[in-house]
Amino acid sequence: MRSIAFADFLIGLGILFVIEGLMFAATPTWLKRAMKSALVTPDHILRAVGIGSAVAGLILIWLVRR
């Protein structure tokens, strides 16, 4: 039997794939430009944005689960 946490994880992963797929389908040119921009962005900026996004996601999950 799967745990609720694992099921939630799989649902979240599925939502991520749906959003990513829709973005690639709807705006491929914009995404290509964004990827090129990420290549020239310094690592410390990308790392800070990634950490900020992860923290925001954790806070959102915590708020929903309260």
PDB file of N, CA and C in Angstrom:
ATOM      1  N   MET A   1       0.839  -1.183   0.000  1.00  0.00           N
ATOM      2  CA  MET A   1       0.000   0.000   0.000  1.00  0.00           C
ATOM      3  C   MET A   1       0.883   1.245   0.000  1.00  0.00           C
ATOM      4  N   ARG A   2       0.572   2.167  -0.883  1.00  0.00           N
ATOM      5  CA  ARG A   2       1.345   3.403  -0.963  1.00  0.00           C
ATOM      6  C   ARG A   2       0.931   4.363   0.135  1.00  0.00           C
ATOM      7  N   SER A   3       1.906   5.150   0.578  1.00  0.00           N
ATOM      8  CA  SER A   3       1.586   6.154   1.590  1.00  0.00           C
ATOM      9  C   SER A   3       0.962   7.373   0.926  1.00  0.00           C
ATOM     10  N   ILE A   4       0.260   8.137   1.728  1.00  0.00           N
ATOM     11  CA  ILE A   4      -0.355   9.364   1.212  1.00  0.00           C
ATOM     12  C   ILE A   4       0.723  10.325   0.738  1.00  0.00           C
ATOM     13  N   ALA A   5       1.833  10.402   1.458  1.00  0.00           N
ATOM     14  CA  ALA A   5       2.909  11.313   1.072  1.00  0.00           C
ATOM     15  C   ALA A   5       3.472  10.933  -0.290  1.00  0.00           C
ATOM     16  N   PHE A   6       3.637   9.642  -0.556  1.00  0.00           N
ATOM     17  CA  PHE A   6       4.168   9.206  -1.842  1.00  0.00           C
ATOM     18  C   PHE A   6       3.171   9.505  -2.960  1.00  0.00           C
ATOM     19  N   ALA A   7       1.891   9.301  -2.690  1.00  0.00           N
ATOM     20  CA  ALA A   7       0.863   9.623  -3.680  1.00  0.00           C
ATOM     21  C   ALA A   7       0.859  11.117  -3.983  1.00  0.00           C
ATOM     22  N   ASP A   8       0.987  11.944  -2.947  1.00  0.00           N
ATOM     23  CA  ASP A   8       1.058  13.393  -3.139  1.00  0.00           C
ATOM     24  C   ASP A   8       2.280  13.770  -3.964  1.00  0.00           C
ATOM     25  N   PHE A   9       3.405  13.103  -3.692  1.00  0.00           N
ATOM     26  CA  PHE A   9       4.621  13.359  -4.457  1.00  0.00           C
ATOM     27  C   PHE A   9       4.397  13.051  -5.940  1.00  0.00           C
ATOM     28  N   LEU A  10       3.778  11.912  -6.229  1.00  0.00           N
ATOM     29  CA  LEU A  10       3.525  11.541  -7.625  1.00  0.00           C
ATOM     30  C   LEU A  10       2.550  12.507  -8.292  1.00  0.00           C
ATOM     31  N   ILE A  11       1.548  12.960  -7.548  1.00  0.00           N
ATOM     32  CA  ILE A  11       0.615  13.950  -8.093  1.00  0.00           C
ATOM     33  C   ILE A  11       1.351  15.244  -8.410  1.00  0.00           C
ATOM     34  N   GLY A  12       2.199  15.689  -7.496  1.00  0.00           N
ATOM     35  CA  GLY A  12       2.981  16.903  -7.735  1.00  0.00           C
ATOM     36  C   GLY A  12       3.891  16.767  -8.939  1.00  0.00           C
ATOM     37  N   LEU A  13       4.530  15.622  -9.079  1.00  0.00           N
ATOM     38  CA  LEU A  13       5.402  15.373 -10.227  1.00  0.00           C
ATOM     39  C   LEU A  13       4.597  15.386 -11.521  1.00  0.00           C
ATOM     40  N   GLY A  14       3.417  14.788 -11.482  1.00  0.00           N
ATOM     41  CA  GLY A  14       2.542  14.808 -12.650  1.00  0.00           C
ATOM     42  C   GLY A  14       2.129  16.215 -13.038  1.00  0.00           C
ATOM     43  N   ILE A  15       1.793  17.029 -12.053  1.00  0.00           N
ATOM     44  CA  ILE A  15       1.428  18.425 -12.324  1.00  0.00           C
ATOM     45  C   ILE A  15       2.603  19.168 -12.934  1.00  0.00           C
ATOM     46  N   LEU A  16       3.805  18.915 -12.422  1.00  0.00           N
ATOM     47  CA  LEU A  16       5.007  19.541 -12.983  1.00  0.00           C
ATOM     48  C   LEU A  16       5.155  19.194 -14.458  1.00  0.00           C
ATOM     49  N   PHE A  17       4.977  17.909 -14.803  1.00  0.00           N
ATOM     50  CA  PHE A  17       5.095  17.484 -16.199  1.00  0.00           C
ATOM     51  C   PHE A  17       4.024  18.134 -17.074  1.00  0.00           C
ATOM     52  N   VAL A  18       2.811  18.246 -16.549  1.00  0.00           N
ATOM     53  CA  VAL A  18       1.734  18.877 -17.310  1.00  0.00           C
ATOM     54  C   VAL A  18       2.070  20.341 -17.597  1.00  0.00           C
ATOM     55  N   ILE A  19       2.481  21.077 -16.577  1.00  0.00           N
ATOM     56  CA  ILE A  19       2.800  22.500 -16.758  1.00  0.00           C
ATOM     57  C   ILE A  19       3.967  22.667 -17.717  1.00  0.00           C
ATOM     58  N   GLU A  20       5.011  21.856 -17.530  1.00  0.00           N
ATOM     59  CA  GLU A  20       6.171  21.949 -18.413  1.00  0.00           C
ATOM     60  C   GLU A  20       5.777  21.618 -19.858  1.00  0.00           C
ATOM     61  N   GLY A  21       5.000  20.572 -20.032  1.00  0.00           N
ATOM     62  CA  GLY A  21       4.571  20.201 -21.381  1.00  0.00           C
ATOM     63  C   GLY A  21       3.733  21.280 -22.042  1.00  0.00           C
ATOM     64  N   LEU A  22       2.827  21.879 -21.276  1.00  0.00           N
ATOM     65  CA  LEU A  22       2.003  22.957 -21.831  1.00  0.00           C
ATOM     66  C   LEU A  22       2.849  24.169 -22.214  1.00  0.00           C
ATOM     67  N   MET A  23       3.853  24.468 -21.403  1.00  0.00           N
ATOM     68  CA  MET A  23       4.722  25.609 -21.725  1.00  0.00           C
ATOM     69  C   MET A  23       5.503  25.348 -23.009  1.00  0.00           C
ATOM     70  N   PHE A  24       6.034  24.145 -23.160  1.00  0.00           N
ATOM     71  CA  PHE A  24       6.763  23.820 -24.388  1.00  0.00           C
ATOM     72  C   PHE A  24       5.836  23.824 -25.596  1.00  0.00           C
ATOM     73  N   ALA A  25       4.603  23.359 -25.428  1.00  0.00           N
ATOM     74  CA  ALA A  25       3.648  23.325 -26.536  1.00  0.00           C
ATOM     75  C   ALA A  25       3.164  24.725 -26.910  1.00  0.00           C
ATOM     76  N   ALA A  26       2.946  25.570 -25.917  1.00  0.00           N
ATOM     77  CA  ALA A  26       2.366  26.888 -26.161  1.00  0.00           C
ATOM     78  C   ALA A  26       3.393  27.930 -26.590  1.00  0.00           C
ATOM     79  N   THR A  27       4.587  27.882 -25.992  1.00  0.00           N
ATOM     80  CA  THR A  27       5.553  28.958 -26.248  1.00  0.00           C
ATOM     81  C   THR A  27       6.972  28.416 -26.439  1.00  0.00           C
ATOM     82  N   PRO A  28       7.198  27.592 -27.480  1.00  0.00           N
ATOM     83  CA  PRO A  28       8.535  27.009 -27.644  1.00  0.00           C
ATOM     84  C   PRO A  28       9.617  28.057 -27.902  1.00  0.00           C
ATOM     85  N   THR A  29       9.302  29.093 -28.645  1.00  0.00           N
ATOM     86  CA  THR A  29      10.305  30.120 -28.940  1.00  0.00           C
ATOM     87  C   THR A  29      10.725  30.855 -27.675  1.00  0.00           C
ATOM     88  N   TRP A  30       9.763  31.204 -26.838  1.00  0.00           N
ATOM     89  CA  TRP A  30      10.070  31.900 -25.593  1.00  0.00           C
ATOM     90  C   TRP A  30      10.935  31.025 -24.685  1.00  0.00           C
ATOM     91  N   LEU A  31      10.602  29.727 -24.617  1.00  0.00           N
ATOM     92  CA  LEU A  31      11.377  28.821 -23.771  1.00  0.00           C
ATOM     93  C   LEU A  31      12.807  28.669 -24.274  1.00  0.00           C
ATOM     94  N   LYS A  32      12.998  28.661 -25.586  1.00  0.00           N
ATOM     95  CA  LYS A  32      14.357  28.586 -26.140  1.00  0.00           C
ATOM     96  C   LYS A  32      15.150  29.828 -25.739  1.00  0.00           C
ATOM     97  N   ARG A  33      14.503  30.986 -25.819  1.00  0.00           N
ATOM     98  CA  ARG A  33      15.188  32.227 -25.401  1.00  0.00           C
ATOM     99  C   ARG A  33      15.501  32.191 -23.914  1.00  0.00           C
ATOM    100  N   ALA A  34      14.587  31.682 -23.100  1.00  0.00           N
ATOM    101  CA  ALA A  34      14.812  31.604 -21.660  1.00  0.00           C
ATOM    102  C   ALA A  34      15.985  30.675 -21.355  1.00  0.00           C
ATOM    103  N   MET A  35      16.082  29.569 -22.076  1.00  0.00           N
ATOM    104  CA  MET A  35      17.197  28.641 -21.850  1.00  0.00           C
ATOM    105  C   MET A  35      18.531  29.268 -22.247  1.00  0.00           C
ATOM    106  N   LYS A  36      18.528  30.010 -23.356  1.00  0.00           N
ATOM    107  CA  LYS A  36      19.754  30.707 -23.763  1.00  0.00           C
ATOM    108  C   LYS A  36      20.147  31.738 -22.714  1.00  0.00           C
ATOM    109  N   SER A  37      19.157  32.421 -22.164  1.00  0.00           N
ATOM    110  CA  SER A  37      19.422  33.406 -21.123  1.00  0.00           C
ATOM    111  C   SER A  37      20.001  32.743 -19.880  1.00  0.00           C
ATOM    112  N   ALA A  38      19.501  31.569 -19.539  1.00  0.00           N
ATOM    113  CA  ALA A  38      20.004  30.844 -18.363  1.00  0.00           C
ATOM    114  C   ALA A  38      21.462  30.443 -18.545  1.00  0.00           C
ATOM    115  N   LEU A  39      21.863  30.159 -19.784  1.00  0.00           N
ATOM    116  CA  LEU A  39      23.249  29.769 -20.045  1.00  0.00           C
ATOM    117  C   LEU A  39      24.238  30.895 -19.731  1.00  0.00           C
ATOM    118  N   VAL A  40      23.814  32.136 -19.911  1.00  0.00           N
ATOM    119  CA  VAL A  40      24.727  33.263 -19.672  1.00  0.00           C
ATOM    120  C   VAL A  40      24.551  33.871 -18.281  1.00  0.00           C
ATOM    121  N   THR A  41      23.559  33.421 -17.542  1.00  0.00           N
ATOM    122  CA  THR A  41      23.340  33.921 -16.187  1.00  0.00           C
ATOM    123  C   THR A  41      24.349  33.273 -15.242  1.00  0.00           C
ATOM    124  N   PRO A  42      24.980  34.062 -14.378  1.00  0.00           N
ATOM    125  CA  PRO A  42      25.963  33.494 -13.438  1.00  0.00           C
ATOM    126  C   PRO A  42      25.341  32.418 -12.537  1.00  0.00           C
ATOM    127  N   ASP A  43      26.156  31.436 -12.183  1.00  0.00           N
ATOM    128  CA  ASP A  43      25.689  30.311 -11.376  1.00  0.00           C
ATOM    129  C   ASP A  43      25.083  30.751 -10.049  1.00  0.00           C
ATOM    130  N   HIS A  44      25.688  31.754  -9.401  1.00  0.00           N
ATOM    131  CA  HIS A  44      25.173  32.155  -8.095  1.00  0.00           C
ATOM    132  C   HIS A  44      23.761  32.743  -8.196  1.00  0.00           C
ATOM    133  N   ILE A  45      23.437  33.373  -9.296  1.00  0.00           N
ATOM    134  CA  ILE A  45      22.081  33.910  -9.492  1.00  0.00           C
ATOM    135  C   ILE A  45      21.100  32.760  -9.695  1.00  0.00           C
ATOM    136  N   LEU A  46      21.473  31.806 -10.560  1.00  0.00           N
ATOM    137  CA  LEU A  46      20.605  30.650 -10.787  1.00  0.00           C
ATOM    138  C   LEU A  46      20.396  29.860  -9.504  1.00  0.00           C
ATOM    139  N   ARG A  47      21.464  29.717  -8.725  1.00  0.00           N
ATOM    140  CA  ARG A  47      21.365  28.979  -7.462  1.00  0.00           C
ATOM    141  C   ARG A  47      20.428  29.696  -6.496  1.00  0.00           C
ATOM    142  N   ALA A  48      20.541  31.019  -6.406  1.00  0.00           N
ATOM    143  CA  ALA A  48      19.683  31.801  -5.504  1.00  0.00           C
ATOM    144  C   ALA A  48      18.219  31.708  -5.930  1.00  0.00           C
ATOM    145  N   VAL A  49      17.963  31.779  -7.223  1.00  0.00           N
ATOM    146  CA  VAL A  49      16.587  31.657  -7.719  1.00  0.00           C
ATOM    147  C   VAL A  49      16.045  30.255  -7.433  1.00  0.00           C
ATOM    148  N   GLY A  50      16.878  29.235  -7.623  1.00  0.00           N
ATOM    149  CA  GLY A  50      16.463  27.863  -7.342  1.00  0.00           C
ATOM    150  C   GLY A  50      16.141  27.649  -5.882  1.00  0.00           C
ATOM    151  N   ILE A  51      16.984  28.160  -5.004  1.00  0.00           N
ATOM    152  CA  ILE A  51      16.739  28.028  -3.563  1.00  0.00           C
ATOM    153  C   ILE A  51      15.481  28.799  -3.169  1.00  0.00           C
ATOM    154  N   GLY A  52      15.318  29.995  -3.721  1.00  0.00           N
ATOM    155  CA  GLY A  52      14.114  30.781  -3.432  1.00  0.00           C
ATOM    156  C   GLY A  52      12.846  30.072  -3.881  1.00  0.00           C
ATOM    157  N   SER A  53      12.891  29.464  -5.064  1.00  0.00           N
ATOM    158  CA  SER A  53      11.737  28.716  -5.560  1.00  0.00           C
ATOM    159  C   SER A  53      11.442  27.512  -4.678  1.00  0.00           C
ATOM    160  N   ALA A  54      12.480  26.798  -4.258  1.00  0.00           N
ATOM    161  CA  ALA A  54      12.293  25.632  -3.394  1.00  0.00           C
ATOM    162  C   ALA A  54      11.681  26.042  -2.060  1.00  0.00           C
ATOM    163  N   VAL A  55      12.166  27.119  -1.482  1.00  0.00           N
ATOM    164  CA  VAL A  55      11.624  27.599  -0.205  1.00  0.00           C
ATOM    165  C   VAL A  55      10.171  28.038  -0.372  1.00  0.00           C
ATOM    166  N   ALA A  56       9.882  28.749  -1.456  1.00  0.00           N
ATOM    167  CA  ALA A  56       8.499  29.173  -1.705  1.00  0.00           C
ATOM    168  C   ALA A  56       7.585  27.957  -1.864  1.00  0.00           C
ATOM    169  N   GLY A  57       8.065  26.936  -2.544  1.00  0.00           N
ATOM    170  CA  GLY A  57       7.281  25.716  -2.704  1.00  0.00           C
ATOM    171  C   GLY A  57       7.029  25.016  -1.386  1.00  0.00           C
ATOM    172  N   LEU A  58       8.055  24.948  -0.550  1.00  0.00           N
ATOM    173  CA  LEU A  58       7.894  24.325   0.762  1.00  0.00           C
ATOM    174  C   LEU A  58       6.905  25.095   1.632  1.00  0.00           C
ATOM    175  N   ILE A  59       6.978  26.404   1.581  1.00  0.00           N
ATOM    176  CA  ILE A  59       6.038  27.229   2.354  1.00  0.00           C
ATOM    177  C   ILE A  59       4.611  27.008   1.857  1.00  0.00           C
ATOM    178  N   LEU A  60       4.444  26.945   0.549  1.00  0.00           N
ATOM    179  CA  LEU A  60       3.115  26.703  -0.017  1.00  0.00           C
ATOM    180  C   LEU A  60       2.577  25.343   0.415  1.00  0.00           C
ATOM    181  N   ILE A  61       3.404  24.325   0.342  1.00  0.00           N
ATOM    182  CA  ILE A  61       2.991  22.991   0.789  1.00  0.00           C
ATOM    183  C   ILE A  61       2.628  23.008   2.268  1.00  0.00           C
ATOM    184  N   TRP A  62       3.440  23.673   3.070  1.00  0.00           N
ATOM    185  CA  TRP A  62       3.179  23.750   4.517  1.00  0.00           C
ATOM    186  C   TRP A  62       1.842  24.451   4.788  1.00  0.00           C
ATOM    187  N   LEU A  63       1.597  25.541   4.074  1.00  0.00           N
ATOM    188  CA  LEU A  63       0.335  26.283   4.267  1.00  0.00           C
ATOM    189  C   LEU A  63      -0.869  25.437   3.874  1.00  0.00           C
ATOM    190  N   VAL A  64      -0.752  24.695   2.793  1.00  0.00           N
ATOM    191  CA  VAL A  64      -1.862  23.865   2.337  1.00  0.00           C
ATOM    192  C   VAL A  64      -2.107  22.710   3.298  1.00  0.00           C
ATOM    193  N   ARG A  65      -1.037  22.142   3.846  1.00  0.00           N
ATOM    194  CA  ARG A  65      -1.151  20.986   4.721  1.00  0.00           C
ATOM    195  C   ARG A  65      -1.564  21.317   6.157  1.00  0.00           C
ATOM    196  N   ARG A  66      -1.539  22.579   6.539  1.00  0.00           N
ATOM    197  CA  ARG A  66      -1.899  22.974   7.901  1.00  0.00           C
ATOM    198  C   ARG A  66      -3.316  22.687   8.233  1.00  0.00           C
TER     199      ARG A  66
END
